[in-house]
N, C-alpha and C. Protein backbone atom coordinates (compact mmCIF):
# COMPACT_ATOMS: atom_id res chain seq x y z
N MET A 1 -74.17 -13.60 83.52
CA MET A 1 -73.72 -14.99 83.64
C MET A 1 -72.63 -15.26 82.61
N HIS A 2 -71.55 -15.91 83.04
CA HIS A 2 -70.42 -16.17 82.14
C HIS A 2 -70.75 -17.34 81.22
N ASP A 3 -70.48 -17.20 79.94
CA ASP A 3 -70.75 -18.25 78.95
C ASP A 3 -69.58 -19.23 78.95
N CYS A 4 -69.82 -20.46 79.40
CA CYS A 4 -68.75 -21.45 79.48
C CYS A 4 -68.26 -21.86 78.10
N ARG A 5 -69.14 -21.70 77.08
CA ARG A 5 -68.73 -22.04 75.72
C ARG A 5 -67.60 -21.13 75.25
N GLU A 6 -67.66 -19.84 75.63
CA GLU A 6 -66.62 -18.90 75.27
C GLU A 6 -65.28 -19.31 75.89
N THR A 7 -65.33 -19.75 77.16
CA THR A 7 -64.12 -20.20 77.84
C THR A 7 -63.53 -21.41 77.14
N PHE A 8 -64.39 -22.34 76.72
CA PHE A 8 -63.92 -23.56 76.06
C PHE A 8 -63.22 -23.23 74.75
N PHE A 9 -63.87 -22.38 73.94
CA PHE A 9 -63.29 -22.04 72.64
C PHE A 9 -61.97 -21.29 72.79
N SER A 10 -61.93 -20.36 73.73
CA SER A 10 -60.72 -19.55 73.88
C SER A 10 -59.57 -20.35 74.49
N SER A 11 -59.87 -21.28 75.39
CA SER A 11 -58.81 -22.00 76.08
C SER A 11 -58.38 -23.28 75.37
N ARG A 12 -59.25 -23.85 74.55
CA ARG A 12 -58.94 -25.12 73.90
C ARG A 12 -58.80 -25.02 72.39
N LEU A 13 -59.83 -24.53 71.72
CA LEU A 13 -59.86 -24.58 70.27
C LEU A 13 -58.97 -23.53 69.61
N LEU A 14 -59.00 -22.30 70.13
CA LEU A 14 -58.23 -21.25 69.46
C LEU A 14 -56.73 -21.51 69.45
N PRO A 15 -56.13 -21.93 70.57
CA PRO A 15 -54.70 -22.26 70.51
C PRO A 15 -54.40 -23.40 69.55
N ALA A 16 -55.32 -24.38 69.50
CA ALA A 16 -55.12 -25.51 68.59
C ALA A 16 -55.19 -25.07 67.14
N LEU A 17 -56.12 -24.16 66.86
CA LEU A 17 -56.24 -23.64 65.49
C LEU A 17 -55.00 -22.83 65.11
N ARG A 18 -54.51 -22.03 66.05
CA ARG A 18 -53.30 -21.26 65.78
C ARG A 18 -52.13 -22.19 65.48
N LEU A 19 -52.01 -23.26 66.24
CA LEU A 19 -50.93 -24.22 66.03
C LEU A 19 -51.06 -24.88 64.68
N LEU A 20 -52.30 -25.22 64.29
CA LEU A 20 -52.53 -25.86 63.00
C LEU A 20 -52.15 -24.93 61.86
N VAL A 21 -52.56 -23.65 61.96
CA VAL A 21 -52.23 -22.68 60.92
C VAL A 21 -50.72 -22.49 60.83
N SER A 22 -50.05 -22.39 61.96
CA SER A 22 -48.60 -22.21 61.98
C SER A 22 -47.88 -23.40 61.35
N THR A 23 -48.39 -24.60 61.66
CA THR A 23 -47.80 -25.82 61.10
C THR A 23 -47.95 -25.87 59.59
N LEU A 24 -49.14 -25.50 59.11
CA LEU A 24 -49.38 -25.51 57.67
C LEU A 24 -48.52 -24.48 56.97
N LEU A 25 -48.37 -23.29 57.56
CA LEU A 25 -47.54 -22.25 56.97
C LEU A 25 -46.08 -22.67 56.94
N LEU A 26 -45.61 -23.31 57.99
CA LEU A 26 -44.23 -23.79 58.05
C LEU A 26 -43.98 -24.86 57.01
N ALA A 27 -44.95 -25.76 56.85
CA ALA A 27 -44.81 -26.83 55.86
C ALA A 27 -44.75 -26.26 54.45
N ALA A 28 -45.59 -25.25 54.21
CA ALA A 28 -45.60 -24.63 52.88
C ALA A 28 -44.28 -23.93 52.62
N ALA A 29 -43.74 -23.28 53.65
CA ALA A 29 -42.47 -22.57 53.47
C ALA A 29 -41.31 -23.53 53.33
N ALA A 30 -41.41 -24.70 54.00
CA ALA A 30 -40.32 -25.67 53.99
C ALA A 30 -40.24 -26.44 52.68
N SER A 31 -41.34 -26.55 51.97
CA SER A 31 -41.35 -27.29 50.72
C SER A 31 -42.01 -26.43 49.65
N ALA A 32 -41.21 -25.93 48.73
CA ALA A 32 -41.71 -25.05 47.68
C ALA A 32 -40.92 -25.32 46.42
N SER A 33 -41.03 -24.45 45.44
CA SER A 33 -40.28 -24.66 44.20
C SER A 33 -39.51 -23.42 43.76
N ALA A 34 -39.65 -22.31 44.50
CA ALA A 34 -38.98 -21.06 44.11
C ALA A 34 -37.84 -20.74 45.05
N PHE A 35 -36.79 -20.16 44.48
CA PHE A 35 -35.63 -19.72 45.24
C PHE A 35 -35.41 -18.24 44.94
N THR A 36 -35.20 -17.44 45.97
CA THR A 36 -34.98 -16.01 45.78
C THR A 36 -33.49 -15.74 45.63
N LEU A 37 -33.12 -15.20 44.48
CA LEU A 37 -31.72 -14.89 44.20
C LEU A 37 -31.31 -13.59 44.89
N SER A 38 -30.02 -13.31 44.86
CA SER A 38 -29.49 -12.14 45.57
C SER A 38 -30.00 -10.82 45.00
N ASP A 39 -30.47 -10.82 43.76
CA ASP A 39 -31.01 -9.58 43.17
C ASP A 39 -32.51 -9.44 43.41
N GLY A 40 -33.08 -10.35 44.22
CA GLY A 40 -34.50 -10.30 44.53
C GLY A 40 -35.38 -11.08 43.58
N THR A 41 -34.80 -11.61 42.51
CA THR A 41 -35.56 -12.39 41.53
C THR A 41 -35.90 -13.76 42.09
N GLU A 42 -37.13 -14.19 41.90
CA GLU A 42 -37.51 -15.55 42.27
C GLU A 42 -37.36 -16.44 41.05
N THR A 43 -36.69 -17.55 41.22
CA THR A 43 -36.48 -18.45 40.10
C THR A 43 -36.77 -19.88 40.53
N GLU A 44 -37.00 -20.73 39.55
CA GLU A 44 -37.23 -22.15 39.80
C GLU A 44 -36.18 -22.96 39.07
N CYS A 45 -36.16 -24.24 39.35
CA CYS A 45 -35.23 -25.15 38.69
C CYS A 45 -36.04 -26.08 37.79
N PRO A 46 -36.16 -25.75 36.50
CA PRO A 46 -37.01 -26.55 35.60
C PRO A 46 -36.38 -27.89 35.26
N VAL A 47 -37.18 -28.93 35.35
CA VAL A 47 -36.70 -30.29 35.10
C VAL A 47 -37.64 -30.98 34.11
N SER A 48 -37.07 -31.72 33.18
CA SER A 48 -37.85 -32.57 32.28
C SER A 48 -37.29 -33.97 32.35
N ARG A 49 -38.15 -34.91 32.71
CA ARG A 49 -37.69 -36.28 32.89
C ARG A 49 -38.84 -37.26 32.72
N ASP A 50 -38.59 -38.31 31.95
CA ASP A 50 -39.58 -39.39 31.77
C ASP A 50 -40.94 -38.86 31.33
N GLY A 51 -40.92 -37.89 30.41
CA GLY A 51 -42.17 -37.34 29.89
C GLY A 51 -42.86 -36.37 30.81
N ARG A 52 -42.22 -36.01 31.89
CA ARG A 52 -42.81 -35.06 32.85
C ARG A 52 -41.93 -33.82 32.92
N SER A 53 -42.56 -32.66 33.01
CA SER A 53 -41.83 -31.40 33.14
C SER A 53 -42.40 -30.56 34.27
N GLY A 54 -41.52 -29.86 34.95
CA GLY A 54 -41.95 -29.01 36.06
C GLY A 54 -40.76 -28.61 36.89
N PRO A 55 -40.97 -27.77 37.90
CA PRO A 55 -39.85 -27.34 38.74
C PRO A 55 -39.46 -28.40 39.77
N ALA A 56 -38.18 -28.50 40.03
CA ALA A 56 -37.74 -29.36 41.12
C ALA A 56 -38.31 -28.83 42.43
N THR A 57 -38.57 -29.72 43.35
CA THR A 57 -39.05 -29.31 44.66
C THR A 57 -37.88 -28.78 45.48
N ILE A 58 -38.10 -27.71 46.22
CA ILE A 58 -37.08 -27.19 47.13
C ILE A 58 -37.56 -27.41 48.55
N LYS A 59 -36.75 -28.09 49.34
CA LYS A 59 -37.11 -28.34 50.73
C LYS A 59 -36.13 -27.60 51.64
N TRP A 60 -36.65 -26.63 52.37
CA TRP A 60 -35.84 -25.87 53.31
C TRP A 60 -35.78 -26.63 54.63
N VAL A 61 -34.57 -26.92 55.07
CA VAL A 61 -34.38 -27.72 56.28
C VAL A 61 -34.18 -26.79 57.48
N HIS A 62 -35.18 -26.76 58.35
CA HIS A 62 -35.13 -25.95 59.57
C HIS A 62 -34.82 -26.84 60.76
N TYR A 63 -34.07 -26.32 61.70
CA TYR A 63 -33.77 -27.10 62.90
C TYR A 63 -33.32 -26.16 64.01
N GLU A 64 -33.52 -26.60 65.24
CA GLU A 64 -33.09 -25.83 66.41
C GLU A 64 -31.71 -26.28 66.87
N ARG A 65 -31.49 -27.59 66.84
CA ARG A 65 -30.21 -28.14 67.27
C ARG A 65 -29.56 -28.87 66.09
N LEU A 66 -28.25 -28.87 66.05
CA LEU A 66 -27.52 -29.47 64.95
C LEU A 66 -27.85 -30.95 64.80
N GLN A 67 -28.09 -31.61 65.91
CA GLN A 67 -28.40 -33.04 65.85
C GLN A 67 -29.78 -33.32 65.26
N ASP A 68 -30.61 -32.27 65.16
CA ASP A 68 -31.94 -32.43 64.57
C ASP A 68 -31.95 -32.12 63.08
N ARG A 69 -30.81 -31.81 62.52
CA ARG A 69 -30.69 -31.49 61.10
C ARG A 69 -31.05 -32.71 60.26
N ASP A 70 -31.76 -32.49 59.16
CA ASP A 70 -32.20 -33.58 58.30
C ASP A 70 -30.99 -34.37 57.79
N PRO A 71 -30.95 -35.68 58.03
CA PRO A 71 -29.80 -36.48 57.58
C PRO A 71 -29.62 -36.51 56.07
N GLU A 72 -30.65 -36.14 55.32
CA GLU A 72 -30.53 -36.10 53.86
C GLU A 72 -29.44 -35.12 53.42
N LEU A 73 -29.20 -34.10 54.23
CA LEU A 73 -28.19 -33.11 53.89
C LEU A 73 -26.77 -33.64 54.03
N GLY A 74 -26.59 -34.63 54.89
CA GLY A 74 -25.24 -35.09 55.15
C GLY A 74 -24.44 -33.95 55.76
N LYS A 75 -23.23 -33.70 55.22
CA LYS A 75 -22.40 -32.60 55.70
C LYS A 75 -22.53 -31.35 54.82
N ALA A 76 -23.39 -31.43 53.81
CA ALA A 76 -23.51 -30.33 52.85
C ALA A 76 -24.53 -29.29 53.31
N VAL A 77 -24.45 -28.09 52.72
CA VAL A 77 -25.46 -27.06 52.99
C VAL A 77 -26.61 -27.17 51.99
N ALA A 78 -26.40 -27.93 50.93
CA ALA A 78 -27.46 -28.18 49.94
C ALA A 78 -27.11 -29.45 49.20
N VAL A 79 -28.14 -30.17 48.79
CA VAL A 79 -27.93 -31.43 48.10
C VAL A 79 -29.19 -31.81 47.33
N VAL A 80 -29.05 -32.60 46.28
CA VAL A 80 -30.21 -33.09 45.53
C VAL A 80 -30.47 -34.55 45.90
N ARG A 81 -31.70 -34.84 46.24
CA ARG A 81 -32.16 -36.21 46.46
C ARG A 81 -33.36 -36.42 45.55
N HIS A 82 -33.92 -37.61 45.59
CA HIS A 82 -35.10 -37.89 44.78
C HIS A 82 -36.21 -38.43 45.65
N GLY A 83 -37.42 -37.91 45.43
CA GLY A 83 -38.57 -38.35 46.20
C GLY A 83 -39.01 -39.75 45.80
N ALA A 84 -40.06 -40.23 46.45
CA ALA A 84 -40.57 -41.57 46.17
C ALA A 84 -41.01 -41.73 44.72
N ASP A 85 -41.41 -40.60 44.10
CA ASP A 85 -41.84 -40.64 42.71
C ASP A 85 -40.69 -40.42 41.73
N GLY A 86 -39.47 -40.31 42.26
CA GLY A 86 -38.31 -40.12 41.40
C GLY A 86 -38.03 -38.68 41.03
N TRP A 87 -38.87 -37.75 41.51
CA TRP A 87 -38.70 -36.35 41.16
C TRP A 87 -37.62 -35.73 42.05
N PRO A 88 -36.75 -34.86 41.48
CA PRO A 88 -35.67 -34.29 42.27
C PRO A 88 -36.15 -33.31 43.33
N VAL A 89 -35.51 -33.41 44.49
CA VAL A 89 -35.78 -32.51 45.61
C VAL A 89 -34.46 -31.87 46.00
N ILE A 90 -34.42 -30.53 46.00
CA ILE A 90 -33.22 -29.81 46.42
C ILE A 90 -33.38 -29.46 47.90
N TYR A 91 -32.57 -30.09 48.74
CA TYR A 91 -32.57 -29.80 50.17
C TYR A 91 -31.60 -28.64 50.42
N ILE A 92 -32.06 -27.63 51.15
CA ILE A 92 -31.22 -26.49 51.48
C ILE A 92 -31.25 -26.25 52.99
N ASP A 93 -30.08 -26.11 53.58
CA ASP A 93 -29.96 -25.83 55.00
C ASP A 93 -30.46 -24.40 55.25
N ALA A 94 -31.67 -24.26 55.78
CA ALA A 94 -32.28 -22.94 55.97
C ALA A 94 -31.54 -22.12 57.02
N VAL A 95 -30.97 -22.79 58.01
CA VAL A 95 -30.25 -22.08 59.07
C VAL A 95 -28.96 -21.48 58.52
N ALA A 96 -28.20 -22.28 57.76
CA ALA A 96 -26.96 -21.79 57.15
C ALA A 96 -27.26 -20.70 56.12
N HIS A 97 -28.35 -20.85 55.37
CA HIS A 97 -28.73 -19.85 54.38
C HIS A 97 -29.06 -18.52 55.03
N LYS A 98 -29.83 -18.56 56.10
CA LYS A 98 -30.21 -17.33 56.80
C LYS A 98 -28.98 -16.63 57.36
N ARG A 99 -28.03 -17.42 57.85
CA ARG A 99 -26.83 -16.86 58.45
C ARG A 99 -25.87 -16.29 57.39
N GLY A 100 -25.81 -16.94 56.22
CA GLY A 100 -24.81 -16.58 55.23
C GLY A 100 -25.26 -15.64 54.12
N ARG A 101 -26.56 -15.57 53.85
CA ARG A 101 -27.02 -14.81 52.69
C ARG A 101 -26.82 -13.31 52.83
N LEU A 102 -26.73 -12.82 54.06
CA LEU A 102 -26.56 -11.39 54.27
C LEU A 102 -25.13 -10.94 53.96
N THR A 103 -24.17 -11.83 54.15
CA THR A 103 -22.77 -11.46 53.93
C THR A 103 -22.19 -12.04 52.64
N ASN A 104 -22.81 -13.11 52.12
CA ASN A 104 -22.27 -13.75 50.92
C ASN A 104 -23.42 -14.30 50.08
N ALA A 105 -24.31 -13.42 49.66
CA ALA A 105 -25.49 -13.84 48.92
C ALA A 105 -25.13 -14.49 47.59
N GLY A 106 -24.06 -14.01 46.96
CA GLY A 106 -23.66 -14.57 45.67
C GLY A 106 -23.29 -16.03 45.77
N LEU A 107 -22.70 -16.41 46.89
CA LEU A 107 -22.34 -17.82 47.09
C LEU A 107 -23.58 -18.70 47.11
N TRP A 108 -24.67 -18.19 47.69
CA TRP A 108 -25.91 -18.98 47.74
C TRP A 108 -26.58 -19.07 46.38
N ASP A 109 -26.44 -18.04 45.55
CA ASP A 109 -26.89 -18.17 44.16
C ASP A 109 -26.14 -19.31 43.49
N PHE A 110 -24.83 -19.33 43.72
CA PHE A 110 -23.97 -20.36 43.13
C PHE A 110 -24.39 -21.75 43.62
N VAL A 111 -24.63 -21.88 44.91
CA VAL A 111 -25.04 -23.17 45.49
C VAL A 111 -26.35 -23.65 44.85
N PHE A 112 -27.31 -22.72 44.73
CA PHE A 112 -28.60 -23.11 44.14
C PHE A 112 -28.42 -23.59 42.70
N PHE A 113 -27.68 -22.83 41.89
CA PHE A 113 -27.52 -23.22 40.48
C PHE A 113 -26.71 -24.50 40.34
N HIS A 114 -25.78 -24.74 41.27
CA HIS A 114 -25.02 -25.99 41.26
C HIS A 114 -25.97 -27.18 41.48
N GLU A 115 -26.81 -27.08 42.51
CA GLU A 115 -27.73 -28.19 42.80
C GLU A 115 -28.79 -28.32 41.71
N CYS A 116 -29.22 -27.19 41.15
CA CYS A 116 -30.20 -27.23 40.06
C CYS A 116 -29.61 -27.96 38.86
N ALA A 117 -28.33 -27.73 38.59
CA ALA A 117 -27.68 -28.42 37.46
C ALA A 117 -27.72 -29.93 37.67
N HIS A 118 -27.49 -30.37 38.90
CA HIS A 118 -27.57 -31.81 39.22
C HIS A 118 -29.00 -32.31 39.06
N ALA A 119 -29.97 -31.51 39.50
CA ALA A 119 -31.37 -31.91 39.41
C ALA A 119 -31.81 -32.07 37.95
N ARG A 120 -31.32 -31.17 37.10
CA ARG A 120 -31.68 -31.20 35.69
C ARG A 120 -30.99 -32.33 34.94
N ASP A 121 -29.76 -32.64 35.35
CA ASP A 121 -28.99 -33.69 34.67
C ASP A 121 -28.18 -34.45 35.72
N PRO A 122 -28.73 -35.56 36.22
CA PRO A 122 -28.04 -36.33 37.27
C PRO A 122 -26.69 -36.89 36.83
N ALA A 123 -26.43 -36.92 35.52
CA ALA A 123 -25.17 -37.47 35.03
C ALA A 123 -24.01 -36.48 35.13
N LEU A 124 -24.29 -35.21 35.45
CA LEU A 124 -23.23 -34.22 35.54
C LEU A 124 -22.25 -34.55 36.67
N THR A 125 -20.97 -34.31 36.42
CA THR A 125 -19.97 -34.42 37.47
C THR A 125 -20.04 -33.17 38.36
N GLU A 126 -19.34 -33.21 39.48
CA GLU A 126 -19.31 -32.05 40.36
C GLU A 126 -18.66 -30.85 39.66
N ILE A 127 -17.63 -31.11 38.88
CA ILE A 127 -16.97 -30.04 38.14
C ILE A 127 -17.94 -29.42 37.14
N GLU A 128 -18.68 -30.26 36.42
CA GLU A 128 -19.63 -29.77 35.42
C GLU A 128 -20.77 -28.98 36.06
N ALA A 129 -21.24 -29.44 37.22
CA ALA A 129 -22.31 -28.72 37.93
C ALA A 129 -21.82 -27.35 38.40
N ASN A 130 -20.58 -27.31 38.89
CA ASN A 130 -19.97 -26.04 39.28
C ASN A 130 -19.87 -25.10 38.08
N CYS A 131 -19.45 -25.67 36.97
CA CYS A 131 -19.29 -24.92 35.72
C CYS A 131 -20.62 -24.32 35.28
N GLN A 132 -21.67 -25.11 35.31
CA GLN A 132 -22.99 -24.64 34.92
C GLN A 132 -23.47 -23.53 35.86
N ALA A 133 -23.18 -23.68 37.15
CA ALA A 133 -23.58 -22.67 38.12
C ALA A 133 -22.90 -21.34 37.83
N TYR A 134 -21.61 -21.38 37.56
CA TYR A 134 -20.85 -20.17 37.26
C TYR A 134 -21.40 -19.50 36.00
N LEU A 135 -21.57 -20.27 34.94
CA LEU A 135 -22.02 -19.72 33.67
C LEU A 135 -23.44 -19.14 33.77
N GLU A 136 -24.28 -19.79 34.56
CA GLU A 136 -25.65 -19.28 34.72
C GLU A 136 -25.66 -17.96 35.49
N MET A 137 -24.81 -17.86 36.51
CA MET A 137 -24.70 -16.60 37.24
C MET A 137 -24.18 -15.50 36.31
N GLU A 138 -23.21 -15.83 35.50
CA GLU A 138 -22.64 -14.87 34.56
C GLU A 138 -23.69 -14.42 33.55
N ARG A 139 -24.46 -15.37 33.05
CA ARG A 139 -25.50 -15.06 32.06
C ARG A 139 -26.55 -14.11 32.63
N ARG A 140 -26.84 -14.26 33.91
CA ARG A 140 -27.86 -13.44 34.55
C ARG A 140 -27.31 -12.12 35.09
N GLY A 141 -26.02 -11.89 34.95
CA GLY A 141 -25.42 -10.68 35.47
C GLY A 141 -25.21 -10.70 36.97
N LEU A 142 -25.17 -11.90 37.55
CA LEU A 142 -25.01 -12.04 39.00
C LEU A 142 -23.55 -12.22 39.41
N MET A 143 -22.66 -12.40 38.44
CA MET A 143 -21.25 -12.59 38.75
C MET A 143 -20.51 -11.26 38.54
N ASN A 144 -19.71 -10.90 39.53
CA ASN A 144 -18.86 -9.72 39.43
C ASN A 144 -17.55 -10.02 40.15
N PRO A 145 -16.55 -9.14 40.08
CA PRO A 145 -15.26 -9.45 40.69
C PRO A 145 -15.33 -9.76 42.19
N ILE A 146 -16.19 -9.06 42.91
CA ILE A 146 -16.30 -9.32 44.35
C ILE A 146 -16.88 -10.70 44.61
N ARG A 147 -17.95 -11.03 43.90
CA ARG A 147 -18.57 -12.35 44.08
C ARG A 147 -17.65 -13.46 43.61
N PHE A 148 -16.92 -13.19 42.53
CA PHE A 148 -15.94 -14.17 42.06
C PHE A 148 -14.97 -14.51 43.19
N LYS A 149 -14.43 -13.48 43.86
CA LYS A 149 -13.47 -13.70 44.94
C LYS A 149 -14.10 -14.41 46.12
N ASP A 150 -15.36 -14.06 46.44
CA ASP A 150 -16.07 -14.72 47.55
C ASP A 150 -16.27 -16.21 47.27
N ILE A 151 -16.71 -16.52 46.06
CA ILE A 151 -16.96 -17.92 45.70
C ILE A 151 -15.64 -18.68 45.61
N GLU A 152 -14.63 -18.02 45.06
CA GLU A 152 -13.31 -18.63 44.99
C GLU A 152 -12.78 -18.95 46.39
N ALA A 153 -12.89 -17.98 47.30
CA ALA A 153 -12.39 -18.16 48.67
C ALA A 153 -13.09 -19.34 49.36
N ALA A 154 -14.39 -19.49 49.11
CA ALA A 154 -15.14 -20.60 49.71
C ALA A 154 -14.59 -21.95 49.23
N HIS A 155 -14.13 -22.00 47.98
CA HIS A 155 -13.55 -23.23 47.46
C HIS A 155 -12.13 -23.46 47.99
N LEU A 156 -11.31 -22.41 47.98
CA LEU A 156 -9.90 -22.56 48.31
C LEU A 156 -9.65 -22.96 49.76
N GLN A 157 -10.62 -22.70 50.64
CA GLN A 157 -10.41 -23.03 52.05
C GLN A 157 -10.71 -24.50 52.37
N ILE A 158 -11.23 -25.24 51.38
CA ILE A 158 -11.55 -26.66 51.59
C ILE A 158 -10.29 -27.48 51.35
N LEU A 159 -9.84 -28.19 52.37
CA LEU A 159 -8.57 -28.93 52.27
C LEU A 159 -8.74 -30.30 51.64
N ASN A 160 -9.77 -31.02 52.02
CA ASN A 160 -9.93 -32.39 51.54
C ASN A 160 -11.31 -32.59 50.93
N LEU A 161 -11.32 -33.18 49.75
CA LEU A 161 -12.56 -33.48 49.04
C LEU A 161 -12.44 -34.84 48.37
N PRO A 162 -13.57 -35.49 48.09
CA PRO A 162 -13.52 -36.74 47.33
C PRO A 162 -12.91 -36.53 45.95
N ALA A 163 -12.49 -37.61 45.33
CA ALA A 163 -11.80 -37.54 44.04
C ALA A 163 -12.62 -36.86 42.97
N GLU A 164 -13.96 -37.02 43.00
CA GLU A 164 -14.80 -36.43 41.96
C GLU A 164 -14.81 -34.90 42.02
N TYR A 165 -14.33 -34.34 43.13
CA TYR A 165 -14.21 -32.89 43.26
C TYR A 165 -12.80 -32.40 42.94
N GLY A 166 -11.89 -33.33 42.71
CA GLY A 166 -10.50 -32.96 42.45
C GLY A 166 -9.56 -33.19 43.62
N GLY A 167 -10.11 -33.64 44.75
CA GLY A 167 -9.27 -33.96 45.90
C GLY A 167 -9.14 -32.86 46.93
N ASN A 168 -9.27 -31.60 46.49
CA ASN A 168 -9.22 -30.46 47.41
C ASN A 168 -9.87 -29.26 46.73
N GLY A 169 -10.11 -28.22 47.51
CA GLY A 169 -10.81 -27.05 46.98
C GLY A 169 -10.05 -26.30 45.91
N ILE A 170 -8.72 -26.28 46.02
CA ILE A 170 -7.92 -25.57 45.03
C ILE A 170 -8.08 -26.20 43.65
N GLU A 171 -7.98 -27.52 43.61
CA GLU A 171 -8.11 -28.23 42.33
C GLU A 171 -9.55 -28.19 41.82
N PHE A 172 -10.48 -28.26 42.75
CA PHE A 172 -11.90 -28.17 42.39
C PHE A 172 -12.18 -26.85 41.67
N TRP A 173 -11.66 -25.75 42.21
CA TRP A 173 -11.89 -24.44 41.62
C TRP A 173 -11.12 -24.30 40.31
N ARG A 174 -9.90 -24.82 40.27
CA ARG A 174 -9.10 -24.72 39.04
C ARG A 174 -9.82 -25.42 37.88
N ARG A 175 -10.33 -26.61 38.14
CA ARG A 175 -11.04 -27.36 37.10
C ARG A 175 -12.35 -26.67 36.72
N THR A 176 -12.98 -26.05 37.69
CA THR A 176 -14.21 -25.30 37.41
C THR A 176 -13.92 -24.17 36.43
N LEU A 177 -12.88 -23.39 36.71
CA LEU A 177 -12.54 -22.26 35.85
C LEU A 177 -12.09 -22.72 34.47
N GLU A 178 -11.45 -23.85 34.41
CA GLU A 178 -11.04 -24.44 33.13
C GLU A 178 -12.27 -24.76 32.29
N CYS A 179 -13.29 -25.33 32.94
CA CYS A 179 -14.55 -25.67 32.27
C CYS A 179 -15.28 -24.39 31.85
N VAL A 180 -15.27 -23.38 32.72
CA VAL A 180 -15.93 -22.11 32.41
C VAL A 180 -15.30 -21.47 31.18
N GLN A 181 -13.99 -21.48 31.13
CA GLN A 181 -13.30 -20.88 29.99
C GLN A 181 -13.64 -21.60 28.70
N SER A 182 -13.73 -22.93 28.78
CA SER A 182 -14.12 -23.71 27.61
C SER A 182 -15.56 -23.39 27.19
N GLY A 183 -16.45 -23.26 28.18
CA GLY A 183 -17.85 -22.96 27.89
C GLY A 183 -18.04 -21.56 27.35
N ASN A 184 -17.09 -20.68 27.64
CA ASN A 184 -17.16 -19.29 27.16
C ASN A 184 -16.38 -19.08 25.87
N GLY A 185 -16.09 -20.15 25.18
CA GLY A 185 -15.37 -20.02 23.91
C GLY A 185 -13.94 -19.54 24.06
N GLY A 186 -13.30 -19.88 25.19
CA GLY A 186 -11.92 -19.50 25.41
C GLY A 186 -11.75 -18.23 26.22
N ARG A 187 -12.84 -17.50 26.45
CA ARG A 187 -12.74 -16.27 27.26
C ARG A 187 -12.51 -16.64 28.72
N LYS A 188 -11.51 -16.01 29.32
CA LYS A 188 -11.18 -16.32 30.69
C LYS A 188 -12.26 -15.83 31.65
N PRO A 189 -12.49 -16.57 32.75
CA PRO A 189 -13.47 -16.12 33.74
C PRO A 189 -13.17 -14.71 34.22
N GLY A 190 -14.19 -13.88 34.25
CA GLY A 190 -14.03 -12.50 34.68
C GLY A 190 -13.89 -11.51 33.55
N GLU A 191 -13.50 -11.98 32.36
CA GLU A 191 -13.39 -11.10 31.22
C GLU A 191 -14.77 -10.77 30.67
N GLN A 192 -14.92 -9.57 30.12
CA GLN A 192 -16.20 -9.14 29.59
C GLN A 192 -16.54 -9.89 28.30
N GLY A 193 -17.84 -10.11 28.09
CA GLY A 193 -18.30 -10.78 26.89
C GLY A 193 -19.56 -11.55 27.16
N ASP A 194 -20.19 -12.05 26.09
CA ASP A 194 -21.42 -12.82 26.24
C ASP A 194 -21.08 -14.25 26.65
N THR A 195 -22.06 -14.92 27.25
CA THR A 195 -21.90 -16.31 27.63
C THR A 195 -22.72 -17.15 26.66
N PRO A 196 -22.08 -17.75 25.64
CA PRO A 196 -22.83 -18.44 24.59
C PRO A 196 -23.20 -19.86 24.96
N GLY A 197 -24.27 -20.34 24.33
CA GLY A 197 -24.59 -21.77 24.34
C GLY A 197 -24.96 -22.35 25.68
N ILE A 198 -25.41 -21.52 26.63
CA ILE A 198 -25.75 -22.02 27.95
C ILE A 198 -27.26 -22.22 28.05
N PRO A 199 -27.72 -23.43 28.41
CA PRO A 199 -29.15 -23.63 28.57
C PRO A 199 -29.69 -22.73 29.68
N ALA A 200 -30.57 -21.83 29.33
CA ALA A 200 -31.05 -20.83 30.29
C ALA A 200 -32.10 -21.41 31.21
N PHE A 201 -31.98 -21.09 32.50
CA PHE A 201 -33.04 -21.36 33.44
C PHE A 201 -34.03 -20.19 33.32
N PRO A 202 -35.28 -20.39 33.66
CA PRO A 202 -36.23 -19.27 33.61
C PRO A 202 -35.80 -18.16 34.56
N SER A 203 -35.88 -16.92 34.10
CA SER A 203 -35.50 -15.79 34.96
C SER A 203 -36.67 -15.36 35.82
């Protein structure tokens, strides 16, 4: 005799449980605090604010259609917002990251450190956040001539930007390198040497 209870569990409950587990796993993956760098290192963005310390939240934005993309991102591939409790949340376009990290992983390291700089200090300008991102990559040994050119190319192809970025990608990058040279004690970007006085993120 066939057990109807077995049919009920297999046809109703098991698919529902699988869906629940998948949803929970997706939610956990979409909201975390660690970012995997191009060298395989997992790092966080440490924040101290209003007597509280901890890593900024990272929210990976997944979507099937472009129109379903989280509006918090705007036109950017990554951006910092603040949750209801005032804690910084770094939104990252998971689709763009998956597509781009295989060919330009260094650029995504740069993007993460740029947004982390904003999360750590909301008063930073876009130029200063770019500068911090470059110096942090250099400090970690993640910057090399090839990555420099890749990151530079990503900036130079941008024709129009708001005034806080310098108005265009060329000026944005020029001001970034000017800041980097100042932060390196006058050493030009790309030249060998230590990167002094940079607040280190946890490795």
